[in-house]
Amino acid sequence: MSKPQKSNVKVRRFSKAFVWAHGINAISFFALYITALPMYTEFFDWLYPVLGGPEGARLLHRIFAVAFVTPTFIWVIFDFPGFKRWMKELVTWKKRDIDFFKEVAKELFGFKFKHVRQSFFNAGEKINSFIQIFTAILIIASGIPMWFPEFFPAAVVQWGYFFHNVGFGLAIAVVVGHIYLSVVHKHSSPGYTGVITGEVPAWWAKGHYTDWYDEEVAKGNFPDIDENGNPKKPTSPDSKKKKGA
C-alpha cells in the first residue's frame, strides 16, 4: 500500500521583509566572494575580463559590500516584530535545545531519531545565526580599514586583510552547511520555500517547529492538521455525545 500523499496546504513562516533581506544577503555574499577571488590569487585572473578588469572587480566588490550591510536594516524597518522574535529566541535556551542536538547526532550516525518539539527557530538555526553574526561583524569591521586605509595605521590595515580572510573562510564553510541542510537534506529541504516565498508546507512546519505551530493554531492563524497536513474536520456536538454515550 502506498503512503498517503502529503497535503499542499502551506502556512506563512517568514515575512516578505525577511525574504528580501535573506535574498539580498545571499546574493551580496556570493558576489563579494566571486569579485574577491582574482584579488587574492592569480589562479582566478580569468575572472577579471568578466568583472571589468581589476578596477571593475574592486568597484563591484565595494557595491556589494554596501548591499551586504543592508539586510538587517530592511528586516528591522519592515518587520521589527520578526526581528525582535529572532533576537529573543537566540538568547532563550531550554532543555529541548540540548535534546535537539542529541537527536541530530543520532541521525548523523544513522541511528533511529525523533523530532524534538521546537519553537520558531530550532537549536541548530540558533547556532547558525550566532556564527553568521560573528562572521558578518568580522568581515565588515575588517573591511572598513581596507576600504579607507588613509584613516587607519598601516598595522590595522594589514590585520584587516588577515581577519577579512578568516571571516570569509568561516562564513563560506557555514554557508555550505546551511545550503546542504536547507536544500539537500531530505528532512529539511521541504522548508526551503520559506526563504523564497515565505511559505512552507504545513505538515513540515508542524513536524519541525511543533511548539510554534501549536501556538499559531491556538491563535487561529494556522489550521489544525493531521500528520499528512490535511486540516482536521471539526467534531460536531452530536458526534461528541455519541462517543460519550
Protein backbone atom coordinates (compact mmCIF):
# COMPACT_ATOMS: atom_id res chain seq x y z
CA MET A 1 0.00 0.00 0.00
CA SER A 2 1.38 3.40 -0.98
CA LYS A 3 1.88 6.09 1.62
CA PRO A 4 -0.75 8.85 1.78
CA GLN A 5 0.30 11.94 -0.18
CA LYS A 6 1.31 14.96 1.82
CA SER A 7 -1.11 17.86 1.64
CA ASN A 8 -0.25 21.02 -0.33
CA VAL A 9 -1.55 23.24 2.48
CA LYS A 10 1.01 25.92 3.28
CA VAL A 11 1.50 28.40 6.12
CA ARG A 12 3.49 31.60 6.28
CA ARG A 13 6.75 31.21 8.19
CA PHE A 14 8.63 34.33 7.12
CA SER A 15 7.54 37.86 6.23
CA LYS A 16 8.23 39.43 2.84
CA ALA A 17 10.77 41.69 4.55
CA PHE A 18 12.71 38.67 5.76
CA VAL A 19 12.56 37.05 2.31
CA TRP A 20 14.01 40.21 0.71
CA ALA A 21 16.64 40.58 3.45
CA HIS A 22 17.69 36.94 3.13
CA GLY A 23 17.86 37.17 -0.66
CA ILE A 24 19.97 40.33 -0.66
CA ASN A 25 22.25 38.83 1.98
CA ALA A 26 22.78 35.65 -0.06
CA ILE A 27 23.33 37.42 -3.40
CA SER A 28 25.69 40.02 -1.98
CA PHE A 29 27.69 37.39 -0.07
CA PHE A 30 28.36 35.25 -3.14
CA ALA A 31 29.02 38.36 -5.25
CA LEU A 32 31.60 39.52 -2.71
CA TYR A 33 33.22 36.09 -2.75
CA ILE A 34 33.41 35.96 -6.56
CA THR A 35 34.68 39.52 -7.01
CA ALA A 36 37.35 38.93 -4.36
CA LEU A 37 38.77 35.71 -5.81
CA PRO A 38 41.01 37.28 -8.51
CA MET A 39 42.25 39.86 -5.99
CA TYR A 40 43.56 37.11 -3.70
CA THR A 41 45.07 34.61 -6.13
CA GLU A 42 46.27 34.67 -9.73
CA PHE A 43 44.51 31.35 -10.29
CA PHE A 44 41.28 33.30 -10.77
CA ASP A 45 42.69 36.02 -13.02
CA TRP A 46 40.41 34.70 -15.76
CA LEU A 47 37.54 36.37 -13.87
CA TYR A 48 38.95 39.87 -14.46
CA PRO A 49 37.64 40.19 -18.06
CA VAL A 50 34.20 39.14 -16.80
CA LEU A 51 34.31 41.65 -13.94
CA GLY A 52 35.66 44.54 -16.00
CA GLY A 53 39.32 44.24 -15.01
CA PRO A 54 40.91 44.87 -11.60
CA GLU A 55 39.22 48.26 -11.21
CA GLY A 56 35.86 46.82 -12.17
CA ALA A 57 36.27 43.98 -9.67
CA ARG A 58 37.11 46.43 -6.87
CA LEU A 59 34.15 48.65 -7.74
CA LEU A 60 31.72 45.71 -7.81
CA HIS A 61 33.19 44.39 -4.56
CA ARG A 62 32.51 47.71 -2.85
CA ILE A 63 28.98 47.98 -4.26
CA PHE A 64 28.11 44.52 -2.97
CA ALA A 65 29.84 45.33 0.34
CA VAL A 66 27.29 48.11 0.86
CA ALA A 67 24.47 45.73 -0.14
CA PHE A 68 25.80 43.18 2.36
CA VAL A 69 25.17 45.62 5.22
CA THR A 70 21.55 46.44 4.29
CA PRO A 71 19.58 43.21 5.06
CA THR A 72 19.48 43.78 8.82
CA PHE A 73 18.11 47.29 8.33
CA ILE A 74 15.46 46.01 5.89
CA TRP A 75 14.32 43.41 8.40
CA VAL A 76 14.29 45.86 11.32
CA ILE A 77 12.43 48.60 9.43
CA PHE A 78 9.80 46.47 7.69
CA ASP A 79 9.37 43.58 10.14
CA PHE A 80 10.57 44.64 13.56
CA PRO A 81 8.37 42.07 15.40
CA GLY A 82 10.02 39.28 13.36
CA PHE A 83 13.50 40.67 14.09
CA LYS A 84 12.65 41.02 17.78
CA ARG A 85 11.43 37.41 17.93
CA TRP A 86 14.68 36.23 16.33
CA MET A 87 16.79 38.11 18.87
CA LYS A 88 14.67 36.84 21.76
CA GLU A 89 14.96 33.22 20.63
CA LEU A 90 18.74 33.49 20.24
CA VAL A 91 19.10 34.12 23.97
CA THR A 92 16.39 31.64 25.01
CA TRP A 93 17.78 28.17 25.58
CA LYS A 94 15.86 25.28 27.11
CA LYS A 95 16.22 21.54 27.60
CA ARG A 96 14.59 20.95 24.22
CA ASP A 97 17.57 22.66 22.55
CA ILE A 98 20.03 20.23 24.15
CA ASP A 99 17.75 17.32 23.21
CA PHE A 100 17.72 18.63 19.63
CA PHE A 101 21.49 18.20 19.31
CA LYS A 102 21.32 14.70 20.81
CA GLU A 103 18.78 13.64 18.18
CA VAL A 104 20.74 15.30 15.35
CA ALA A 105 23.84 13.36 16.43
CA LYS A 106 21.83 10.10 16.26
CA GLU A 107 20.66 10.99 12.76
CA LEU A 108 24.18 11.77 11.54
CA PHE A 109 25.42 8.34 12.68
CA GLY A 110 22.46 6.50 11.16
CA PHE A 111 20.62 5.70 14.38
CA LYS A 112 16.90 6.00 14.88
CA PHE A 113 15.98 9.52 15.95
CA LYS A 114 12.93 11.58 16.72
CA HIS A 115 11.96 15.18 16.06
CA VAL A 116 12.21 17.28 19.20
CA ARG A 117 9.49 19.87 19.73
CA GLN A 118 10.96 23.26 18.81
CA SER A 119 9.81 26.87 18.77
CA PHE A 120 10.13 29.25 15.78
CA PHE A 121 13.89 28.63 15.47
CA ASN A 122 15.44 25.31 16.35
CA ALA A 123 18.73 24.97 18.23
CA GLY A 124 20.73 24.39 15.03
CA GLU A 125 19.38 27.58 13.47
CA LYS A 126 20.29 29.49 16.61
CA ILE A 127 23.91 28.30 16.42
CA ASN A 128 23.97 29.12 12.71
CA SER A 129 22.71 32.63 13.49
CA PHE A 130 25.40 33.20 16.13
CA ILE A 131 28.16 32.15 13.73
CA GLN A 132 26.76 34.26 10.90
CA ILE A 133 26.52 37.30 13.17
CA PHE A 134 30.14 36.79 14.27
CA THR A 135 31.49 36.34 10.74
CA ALA A 136 29.47 39.30 9.40
CA ILE A 137 30.88 41.59 12.10
CA LEU A 138 34.38 40.28 11.40
CA ILE A 139 34.03 40.81 7.64
CA ILE A 140 32.52 44.30 7.92
CA ALA A 141 34.84 45.53 10.69
CA SER A 142 37.96 44.31 8.88
CA GLY A 143 36.73 45.63 5.54
CA ILE A 144 36.43 49.24 6.69
CA PRO A 145 40.21 49.86 7.18
CA MET A 146 40.85 48.00 3.91
CA TRP A 147 38.49 50.35 2.08
CA PHE A 148 39.74 53.53 3.78
CA PRO A 149 43.43 52.80 4.56
CA GLU A 150 44.26 56.51 4.74
CA PHE A 151 42.34 56.80 8.02
CA PHE A 152 43.98 53.86 9.80
CA PRO A 153 47.51 52.86 10.88
CA ALA A 154 49.27 50.51 8.46
CA ALA A 155 49.25 47.71 11.05
CA VAL A 156 45.46 47.94 11.39
CA VAL A 157 45.06 47.73 7.62
CA GLN A 158 47.32 44.68 7.41
CA TRP A 159 45.46 42.92 10.22
CA GLY A 160 42.27 43.88 8.40
CA TYR A 161 43.31 41.76 5.42
CA PHE A 162 44.05 38.83 7.71
CA PHE A 163 40.75 38.95 9.60
CA HIS A 164 38.84 39.58 6.37
CA ASN A 165 40.18 36.30 5.01
CA VAL A 166 39.42 34.47 8.26
CA GLY A 167 35.88 35.87 8.32
CA PHE A 168 35.13 34.84 4.75
CA GLY A 169 36.71 31.42 5.26
CA LEU A 170 34.47 30.72 8.26
CA ALA A 171 31.43 32.22 6.55
CA ILE A 172 31.73 30.15 3.38
CA ALA A 173 32.03 26.96 5.47
CA VAL A 174 28.87 27.88 7.39
CA VAL A 175 27.03 28.80 4.19
CA VAL A 176 27.88 25.46 2.55
CA GLY A 177 26.48 23.62 5.58
CA HIS A 178 23.46 25.91 5.63
CA ILE A 179 22.70 25.22 1.95
CA TYR A 180 23.09 21.47 2.44
CA LEU A 181 20.70 21.37 5.39
CA SER A 182 18.12 23.68 3.82
CA VAL A 183 18.12 22.46 0.21
CA VAL A 184 19.66 18.97 0.04
CA HIS A 185 18.91 17.25 3.36
CA LYS A 186 15.74 15.19 2.92
CA HIS A 187 14.22 16.14 6.28
CA SER A 188 14.88 19.87 5.92
CA SER A 189 14.56 20.52 2.18
CA PRO A 190 10.72 20.75 2.10
CA GLY A 191 11.05 24.01 4.04
CA TYR A 192 13.45 25.78 1.63
CA THR A 193 10.48 27.61 0.08
CA GLY A 194 10.31 29.65 3.28
CA VAL A 195 13.17 31.90 2.13
CA ILE A 196 11.74 32.22 -1.40
CA THR A 197 8.02 32.78 -0.87
CA GLY A 198 7.85 32.97 2.91
CA GLU A 199 5.55 29.94 2.99
CA VAL A 200 6.29 26.31 3.92
CA PRO A 201 4.24 23.09 3.90
CA ALA A 202 2.00 22.98 6.96
CA TRP A 203 2.88 19.33 7.72
CA TRP A 204 6.60 20.16 7.64
CA ALA A 205 6.19 23.22 9.87
CA LYS A 206 4.22 21.27 12.45
CA GLY A 207 6.75 18.42 12.45
CA HIS A 208 9.82 20.65 12.80
CA TYR A 209 8.50 23.56 14.87
CA THR A 210 5.68 21.92 16.79
CA ASP A 211 5.51 24.38 19.70
CA TRP A 212 5.41 27.37 17.36
CA TYR A 213 2.83 25.74 15.10
CA ASP A 214 0.56 24.84 18.03
CA GLU A 215 0.78 28.43 19.28
CA GLU A 216 -0.37 29.71 15.88
CA VAL A 217 -3.22 27.18 15.80
CA ALA A 218 -4.35 28.40 19.24
CA LYS A 219 -4.34 31.98 17.92
CA GLY A 220 -6.41 30.94 14.93
CA ASN A 221 -3.66 31.76 12.42
CA PHE A 222 -2.96 28.19 11.23
CA PRO A 223 -5.24 25.21 10.57
CA ASP A 224 -5.11 22.23 12.90
CA ILE A 225 -3.83 19.39 10.71
CA ASP A 226 -3.15 15.68 10.74
CA GLU A 227 0.27 14.10 10.07
CA ASN A 228 -0.17 14.47 6.30
CA GLY A 229 -1.03 18.17 6.50
CA ASN A 230 -4.76 17.83 5.89
CA PRO A 231 -6.99 20.10 8.01
CA LYS A 232 -8.79 18.13 10.66
CA LYS A 233 -12.55 18.05 10.42
CA PRO A 234 -14.21 19.79 13.36
CA THR A 235 -16.01 17.46 15.71
CA SER A 236 -19.72 18.20 15.90
CA PRO A 237 -21.51 18.35 19.27
CA ASP A 238 -23.72 15.42 18.20
CA SER A 239 -20.73 13.16 17.50
CA LYS A 240 -19.26 14.03 20.88
CA LYS A 241 -22.49 12.94 22.57
CA LYS A 242 -22.47 9.67 20.64
CA LYS A 243 -18.88 8.97 21.68
CA GLY A 244 -19.71 9.68 25.28
CA ALA A 245 -22.88 7.60 25.20
